[in-house]
Amino acid sequence: MVKILNSEPIEVNYRVKECFTLFETIRFSDGIFHNLDYHQERVNETYKLLFNSQPKISLKNILKYGKSGSTFRVKVIYDINGLIDILEYPYRKKEIKSIMLVENNLLNYSFKFLNREFFDYLYDNFNADESL
């Protein structure tokens, strides 16, 4: 059951899938990857709690530095076996004009799963730029 703030609960026809592919999105600007230690800590915790394993990736070892002066975001995709892919996207600051507050007891988002179908559903069906 999903509840949008100040509305009645809405039944969402979303099937929770087992998905163990995860990601980190890291901003690169001024010649550095920002908050890399924080991202590595989250990767480490994910391996520990979700996989009961030591981390198979070191962000410092797999990320290559780009051109100074450019700003982009890097999406590191990984699973229990290690690195799957590294994708690079232009960095665009998101303009947020509206936020939707969502209560959902079906989805545990303690980990950054690559499967984002639930969030896609929210953005496609409700008028908000961001959800909490």
N, C-alpha and C. Protein backbone atom coordinates (compact mmCIF):
# COMPACT_ATOMS: atom_id res chain seq x y z
N MET A 1 0.85 -1.18 0.00
CA MET A 1 0.00 0.00 0.00
C MET A 1 0.89 1.24 0.00
N VAL A 2 0.59 2.16 -0.83
CA VAL A 2 1.33 3.41 -0.93
C VAL A 2 0.41 4.54 -0.53
N LYS A 3 0.93 5.45 0.28
CA LYS A 3 0.14 6.60 0.67
C LYS A 3 0.89 7.87 0.30
N ILE A 4 0.23 8.72 -0.46
CA ILE A 4 0.77 10.02 -0.80
C ILE A 4 0.26 10.99 0.25
N LEU A 5 1.12 11.87 0.76
CA LEU A 5 0.75 12.80 1.81
C LEU A 5 -0.56 13.51 1.46
N ASN A 6 -1.45 13.60 2.45
CA ASN A 6 -2.75 14.27 2.31
C ASN A 6 -3.66 13.61 1.28
N SER A 7 -3.55 12.31 1.12
CA SER A 7 -4.45 11.60 0.22
C SER A 7 -4.76 10.24 0.82
N GLU A 8 -5.73 9.59 0.25
CA GLU A 8 -6.08 8.24 0.68
C GLU A 8 -5.02 7.26 0.19
N PRO A 9 -4.85 6.13 0.89
CA PRO A 9 -3.91 5.11 0.40
C PRO A 9 -4.29 4.66 -1.01
N ILE A 10 -3.29 4.38 -1.80
CA ILE A 10 -3.49 3.95 -3.18
C ILE A 10 -2.86 2.58 -3.35
N GLU A 11 -3.62 1.65 -3.90
CA GLU A 11 -3.08 0.33 -4.18
C GLU A 11 -2.21 0.42 -5.43
N VAL A 12 -0.97 0.04 -5.30
CA VAL A 12 -0.05 0.10 -6.44
C VAL A 12 0.17 -1.31 -6.94
N ASN A 13 -0.07 -1.49 -8.21
CA ASN A 13 0.15 -2.80 -8.82
C ASN A 13 1.61 -2.93 -9.21
N TYR A 14 2.44 -3.09 -8.21
CA TYR A 14 3.87 -3.20 -8.42
C TYR A 14 4.33 -4.48 -7.77
N ARG A 15 4.92 -5.35 -8.55
CA ARG A 15 5.41 -6.61 -8.03
C ARG A 15 6.86 -6.42 -7.59
N VAL A 16 7.11 -6.64 -6.31
CA VAL A 16 8.47 -6.50 -5.80
C VAL A 16 9.30 -7.66 -6.33
N LYS A 17 10.40 -7.33 -6.98
CA LYS A 17 11.28 -8.36 -7.57
C LYS A 17 12.52 -8.50 -6.73
N GLU A 18 13.06 -9.69 -6.72
CA GLU A 18 14.38 -9.87 -6.14
C GLU A 18 15.37 -9.32 -7.15
N CYS A 19 16.13 -8.37 -6.73
CA CYS A 19 17.08 -7.73 -7.63
C CYS A 19 18.33 -7.42 -6.85
N PHE A 20 19.43 -7.99 -7.24
CA PHE A 20 20.66 -7.79 -6.51
C PHE A 20 21.72 -7.10 -7.35
N THR A 21 21.28 -6.31 -8.30
CA THR A 21 22.18 -5.45 -9.03
C THR A 21 22.02 -4.06 -8.44
N LEU A 22 23.15 -3.44 -8.11
CA LEU A 22 23.12 -2.16 -7.41
C LEU A 22 23.94 -1.12 -8.15
N PHE A 23 23.89 0.12 -7.66
CA PHE A 23 24.66 1.17 -8.31
C PHE A 23 25.02 2.28 -7.33
N GLU A 24 26.02 3.02 -7.71
CA GLU A 24 26.41 4.27 -7.06
C GLU A 24 26.54 5.31 -8.17
N THR A 25 26.02 6.50 -7.95
CA THR A 25 26.20 7.59 -8.90
C THR A 25 27.07 8.64 -8.23
N ILE A 26 28.16 8.97 -8.88
CA ILE A 26 29.19 9.82 -8.29
C ILE A 26 29.46 11.01 -9.22
N ARG A 27 29.48 12.20 -8.64
CA ARG A 27 29.75 13.41 -9.42
C ARG A 27 31.25 13.61 -9.57
N PHE A 28 31.64 13.92 -10.79
CA PHE A 28 33.04 14.26 -11.08
C PHE A 28 33.08 15.72 -11.51
N SER A 29 33.86 16.53 -10.82
CA SER A 29 34.09 17.91 -11.24
C SER A 29 35.38 18.40 -10.58
N ASP A 30 35.91 19.44 -11.15
CA ASP A 30 37.16 20.03 -10.63
C ASP A 30 38.27 18.99 -10.51
N GLY A 31 38.25 17.99 -11.38
CA GLY A 31 39.31 16.99 -11.39
C GLY A 31 39.21 15.91 -10.33
N ILE A 32 38.09 15.86 -9.58
CA ILE A 32 37.95 14.84 -8.52
C ILE A 32 36.55 14.21 -8.55
N PHE A 33 36.49 12.98 -8.04
CA PHE A 33 35.21 12.32 -7.79
C PHE A 33 34.78 12.73 -6.39
N HIS A 34 33.61 13.34 -6.28
CA HIS A 34 33.16 13.90 -5.02
C HIS A 34 32.58 12.83 -4.09
N ASN A 35 32.88 12.97 -2.81
CA ASN A 35 32.36 12.10 -1.75
C ASN A 35 32.68 10.62 -1.98
N LEU A 36 33.84 10.35 -2.54
CA LEU A 36 34.20 8.97 -2.88
C LEU A 36 34.26 8.07 -1.65
N ASP A 37 34.76 8.59 -0.53
CA ASP A 37 34.81 7.78 0.69
C ASP A 37 33.41 7.40 1.17
N TYR A 38 32.47 8.33 1.07
CA TYR A 38 31.08 8.05 1.45
C TYR A 38 30.50 6.96 0.54
N HIS A 39 30.72 7.08 -0.77
CA HIS A 39 30.20 6.08 -1.71
C HIS A 39 30.83 4.71 -1.44
N GLN A 40 32.14 4.69 -1.17
CA GLN A 40 32.80 3.42 -0.89
C GLN A 40 32.25 2.79 0.39
N GLU A 41 31.98 3.62 1.39
CA GLU A 41 31.41 3.12 2.64
C GLU A 41 30.05 2.47 2.39
N ARG A 42 29.23 3.08 1.52
CA ARG A 42 27.92 2.49 1.22
C ARG A 42 28.08 1.17 0.46
N VAL A 43 29.05 1.11 -0.48
CA VAL A 43 29.33 -0.14 -1.19
C VAL A 43 29.76 -1.21 -0.19
N ASN A 44 30.65 -0.87 0.73
CA ASN A 44 31.13 -1.82 1.73
C ASN A 44 29.97 -2.35 2.58
N GLU A 45 29.11 -1.45 3.04
CA GLU A 45 27.96 -1.86 3.85
C GLU A 45 27.00 -2.74 3.07
N THR A 46 26.82 -2.44 1.78
CA THR A 46 25.95 -3.25 0.93
C THR A 46 26.48 -4.67 0.84
N TYR A 47 27.78 -4.81 0.57
CA TYR A 47 28.37 -6.16 0.50
C TYR A 47 28.22 -6.89 1.83
N LYS A 48 28.45 -6.18 2.91
CA LYS A 48 28.37 -6.80 4.24
C LYS A 48 26.95 -7.25 4.57
N LEU A 49 25.98 -6.35 4.41
CA LEU A 49 24.61 -6.63 4.85
C LEU A 49 23.79 -7.43 3.85
N LEU A 50 23.95 -7.16 2.58
CA LEU A 50 23.13 -7.83 1.57
C LEU A 50 23.75 -9.14 1.11
N PHE A 51 25.08 -9.16 0.97
CA PHE A 51 25.75 -10.33 0.41
C PHE A 51 26.54 -11.13 1.44
N ASN A 52 26.66 -10.61 2.68
CA ASN A 52 27.47 -11.25 3.71
C ASN A 52 28.87 -11.55 3.17
N SER A 53 29.46 -10.53 2.57
CA SER A 53 30.72 -10.69 1.85
C SER A 53 31.58 -9.44 2.01
N GLN A 54 32.86 -9.61 1.74
CA GLN A 54 33.76 -8.46 1.64
C GLN A 54 33.51 -7.78 0.29
N PRO A 55 33.72 -6.47 0.21
CA PRO A 55 33.50 -5.77 -1.07
C PRO A 55 34.40 -6.32 -2.18
N LYS A 56 33.83 -6.41 -3.36
CA LYS A 56 34.57 -6.90 -4.53
C LYS A 56 35.07 -5.75 -5.39
N ILE A 57 34.69 -4.51 -5.05
CA ILE A 57 35.15 -3.38 -5.84
C ILE A 57 35.71 -2.29 -4.93
N SER A 58 36.69 -1.60 -5.46
CA SER A 58 37.26 -0.42 -4.82
C SER A 58 37.05 0.73 -5.79
N LEU A 59 36.21 1.68 -5.42
CA LEU A 59 35.91 2.78 -6.32
C LEU A 59 37.16 3.56 -6.72
N LYS A 60 38.08 3.72 -5.79
CA LYS A 60 39.33 4.44 -6.11
C LYS A 60 40.13 3.72 -7.18
N ASN A 61 40.05 2.40 -7.21
CA ASN A 61 40.82 1.62 -8.19
C ASN A 61 40.15 1.53 -9.56
N ILE A 62 38.84 1.63 -9.60
CA ILE A 62 38.15 1.43 -10.89
C ILE A 62 37.80 2.72 -11.61
N LEU A 63 37.74 3.84 -10.89
CA LEU A 63 37.36 5.10 -11.53
C LEU A 63 38.58 5.81 -12.09
N LYS A 64 38.49 6.17 -13.34
CA LYS A 64 39.56 6.89 -14.02
C LYS A 64 39.18 8.36 -14.09
N TYR A 65 40.15 9.19 -13.88
CA TYR A 65 39.88 10.62 -13.85
C TYR A 65 39.68 11.16 -15.26
N GLY A 66 38.72 12.06 -15.38
CA GLY A 66 38.43 12.69 -16.65
C GLY A 66 39.17 14.01 -16.78
N LYS A 67 38.75 14.79 -17.74
CA LYS A 67 39.39 16.08 -18.00
C LYS A 67 39.05 17.06 -16.90
N SER A 68 40.01 17.78 -16.42
CA SER A 68 39.75 18.84 -15.46
C SER A 68 38.88 19.89 -16.13
N GLY A 69 37.99 20.45 -15.37
CA GLY A 69 37.09 21.47 -15.90
C GLY A 69 35.76 20.90 -16.35
N SER A 70 35.70 19.60 -16.65
CA SER A 70 34.43 18.99 -17.04
C SER A 70 33.69 18.49 -15.81
N THR A 71 32.37 18.49 -15.91
CA THR A 71 31.53 17.98 -14.83
C THR A 71 30.60 16.93 -15.42
N PHE A 72 30.60 15.75 -14.82
CA PHE A 72 29.71 14.68 -15.25
C PHE A 72 29.41 13.78 -14.07
N ARG A 73 28.49 12.86 -14.27
CA ARG A 73 28.20 11.88 -13.22
C ARG A 73 28.54 10.50 -13.76
N VAL A 74 29.04 9.69 -12.88
CA VAL A 74 29.46 8.34 -13.22
C VAL A 74 28.58 7.37 -12.45
N LYS A 75 28.00 6.41 -13.17
CA LYS A 75 27.16 5.38 -12.54
C LYS A 75 27.95 4.09 -12.53
N VAL A 76 28.28 3.61 -11.34
CA VAL A 76 29.01 2.36 -11.18
C VAL A 76 27.97 1.28 -10.85
N ILE A 77 27.87 0.28 -11.71
CA ILE A 77 26.88 -0.80 -11.55
C ILE A 77 27.63 -2.06 -11.11
N TYR A 78 27.12 -2.70 -10.06
CA TYR A 78 27.82 -3.86 -9.50
C TYR A 78 26.85 -4.85 -8.90
N ASP A 79 27.35 -6.05 -8.63
CA ASP A 79 26.57 -7.07 -7.94
C ASP A 79 27.49 -7.87 -7.04
N ILE A 80 27.04 -9.02 -6.58
CA ILE A 80 27.81 -9.83 -5.64
C ILE A 80 29.18 -10.23 -6.20
N ASN A 81 29.26 -10.36 -7.53
CA ASN A 81 30.51 -10.79 -8.16
C ASN A 81 31.47 -9.65 -8.45
N GLY A 82 31.01 -8.41 -8.32
CA GLY A 82 31.88 -7.27 -8.57
C GLY A 82 31.31 -6.31 -9.59
N LEU A 83 32.21 -5.63 -10.28
CA LEU A 83 31.85 -4.59 -11.22
C LEU A 83 31.15 -5.16 -12.45
N ILE A 84 30.05 -4.52 -12.84
CA ILE A 84 29.34 -4.89 -14.07
C ILE A 84 29.62 -3.86 -15.16
N ASP A 85 29.49 -2.57 -14.82
CA ASP A 85 29.66 -1.54 -15.83
C ASP A 85 29.93 -0.19 -15.17
N ILE A 86 30.51 0.72 -15.93
CA ILE A 86 30.68 2.11 -15.51
C ILE A 86 30.13 2.96 -16.65
N LEU A 87 29.13 3.78 -16.33
CA LEU A 87 28.50 4.64 -17.34
C LEU A 87 28.75 6.09 -16.98
N GLU A 88 28.90 6.91 -17.99
CA GLU A 88 29.15 8.34 -17.79
C GLU A 88 28.02 9.14 -18.42
N TYR A 89 27.50 10.12 -17.67
CA TYR A 89 26.40 10.96 -18.13
C TYR A 89 26.75 12.43 -17.91
N PRO A 90 26.17 13.31 -18.71
CA PRO A 90 26.33 14.73 -18.42
C PRO A 90 25.72 15.05 -17.05
N TYR A 91 26.32 15.97 -16.35
CA TYR A 91 25.79 16.38 -15.05
C TYR A 91 24.81 17.51 -15.25
N ARG A 92 23.58 17.28 -14.83
CA ARG A 92 22.54 18.31 -14.89
C ARG A 92 21.92 18.44 -13.52
N LYS A 93 21.96 19.63 -13.00
CA LYS A 93 21.34 19.87 -11.71
C LYS A 93 19.83 19.78 -11.88
N LYS A 94 19.19 18.95 -11.07
CA LYS A 94 17.76 18.73 -11.16
C LYS A 94 17.02 19.89 -10.50
N GLU A 95 16.08 20.46 -11.24
CA GLU A 95 15.24 21.51 -10.69
C GLU A 95 14.03 20.88 -10.03
N ILE A 96 13.91 21.05 -8.73
CA ILE A 96 12.82 20.44 -7.97
C ILE A 96 11.84 21.52 -7.55
N LYS A 97 10.61 21.40 -8.06
CA LYS A 97 9.55 22.35 -7.73
C LYS A 97 8.50 21.73 -6.81
N SER A 98 8.42 20.39 -6.83
CA SER A 98 7.43 19.72 -5.99
C SER A 98 7.98 18.39 -5.48
N ILE A 99 7.61 18.05 -4.25
CA ILE A 99 8.06 16.81 -3.62
C ILE A 99 6.83 16.06 -3.13
N MET A 100 6.83 14.76 -3.35
CA MET A 100 5.74 13.92 -2.87
C MET A 100 6.28 13.06 -1.73
N LEU A 101 5.54 13.01 -0.64
CA LEU A 101 5.89 12.18 0.49
C LEU A 101 5.17 10.85 0.35
N VAL A 102 5.94 9.76 0.37
CA VAL A 102 5.38 8.44 0.10
C VAL A 102 5.66 7.52 1.29
N GLU A 103 4.62 6.85 1.75
CA GLU A 103 4.78 5.80 2.75
C GLU A 103 4.56 4.48 2.03
N ASN A 104 5.56 3.61 2.08
CA ASN A 104 5.47 2.34 1.38
C ASN A 104 6.10 1.26 2.23
N ASN A 105 5.29 0.32 2.68
CA ASN A 105 5.78 -0.76 3.52
C ASN A 105 6.25 -1.96 2.70
N LEU A 106 6.10 -1.89 1.38
CA LEU A 106 6.49 -3.00 0.52
C LEU A 106 7.94 -2.91 0.06
N LEU A 107 8.46 -1.71 0.02
CA LEU A 107 9.76 -1.50 -0.57
C LEU A 107 10.79 -1.16 0.49
N ASN A 108 11.85 -1.94 0.55
CA ASN A 108 12.97 -1.63 1.43
C ASN A 108 14.05 -1.03 0.55
N TYR A 109 14.30 0.25 0.73
CA TYR A 109 15.29 0.90 -0.12
C TYR A 109 16.52 1.30 0.68
N SER A 110 16.95 0.38 1.52
CA SER A 110 18.19 0.59 2.27
C SER A 110 19.40 0.49 1.37
N PHE A 111 19.23 -0.16 0.23
CA PHE A 111 20.30 -0.36 -0.73
C PHE A 111 19.92 0.34 -2.03
N LYS A 112 20.91 0.72 -2.84
CA LYS A 112 20.64 1.42 -4.10
C LYS A 112 20.53 0.40 -5.23
N PHE A 113 19.35 -0.22 -5.32
CA PHE A 113 19.10 -1.21 -6.35
C PHE A 113 18.96 -0.56 -7.72
N LEU A 114 19.47 -1.22 -8.73
CA LEU A 114 19.37 -0.73 -10.10
C LEU A 114 17.92 -0.74 -10.58
N ASN A 115 17.15 -1.68 -10.12
CA ASN A 115 15.74 -1.76 -10.50
C ASN A 115 14.99 -0.58 -9.88
N ARG A 116 14.55 0.36 -10.72
CA ARG A 116 13.89 1.59 -10.26
C ARG A 116 12.43 1.65 -10.72
N GLU A 117 11.83 0.49 -11.02
CA GLU A 117 10.46 0.48 -11.55
C GLU A 117 9.47 1.17 -10.62
N PHE A 118 9.64 0.99 -9.33
CA PHE A 118 8.71 1.61 -8.39
C PHE A 118 8.76 3.13 -8.52
N PHE A 119 9.96 3.68 -8.57
CA PHE A 119 10.11 5.14 -8.69
C PHE A 119 9.60 5.63 -10.04
N ASP A 120 9.85 4.86 -11.10
CA ASP A 120 9.31 5.21 -12.41
C ASP A 120 7.79 5.28 -12.36
N TYR A 121 7.18 4.32 -11.68
CA TYR A 121 5.72 4.32 -11.54
C TYR A 121 5.24 5.59 -10.85
N LEU A 122 5.90 5.98 -9.77
CA LEU A 122 5.50 7.20 -9.05
C LEU A 122 5.58 8.42 -9.95
N TYR A 123 6.71 8.58 -10.63
CA TYR A 123 6.90 9.76 -11.47
C TYR A 123 5.95 9.78 -12.66
N ASP A 124 5.59 8.60 -13.17
CA ASP A 124 4.67 8.53 -14.30
C ASP A 124 3.22 8.78 -13.90
N ASN A 125 2.87 8.53 -12.63
CA ASN A 125 1.47 8.56 -12.21
C ASN A 125 1.11 9.67 -11.24
N PHE A 126 2.09 10.39 -10.73
CA PHE A 126 1.81 11.46 -9.79
C PHE A 126 2.60 12.70 -10.20
N ASN A 127 2.04 13.84 -9.93
CA ASN A 127 2.64 15.09 -10.36
C ASN A 127 3.64 15.62 -9.33
N ALA A 128 4.87 15.14 -9.39
CA ALA A 128 5.91 15.61 -8.48
C ALA A 128 7.27 15.40 -9.15
N ASP A 129 8.20 16.24 -8.80
CA ASP A 129 9.56 16.14 -9.34
C ASP A 129 10.43 15.17 -8.57
N GLU A 130 10.10 14.96 -7.29
CA GLU A 130 10.91 14.12 -6.42
C GLU A 130 10.01 13.45 -5.40
N SER A 131 10.48 12.33 -4.85
CA SER A 131 9.71 11.64 -3.80
C SER A 131 10.60 11.39 -2.60
N LEU A 132 10.01 11.41 -1.44
CA LEU A 132 10.69 11.09 -0.18
C LEU A 132 9.95 9.95 0.47
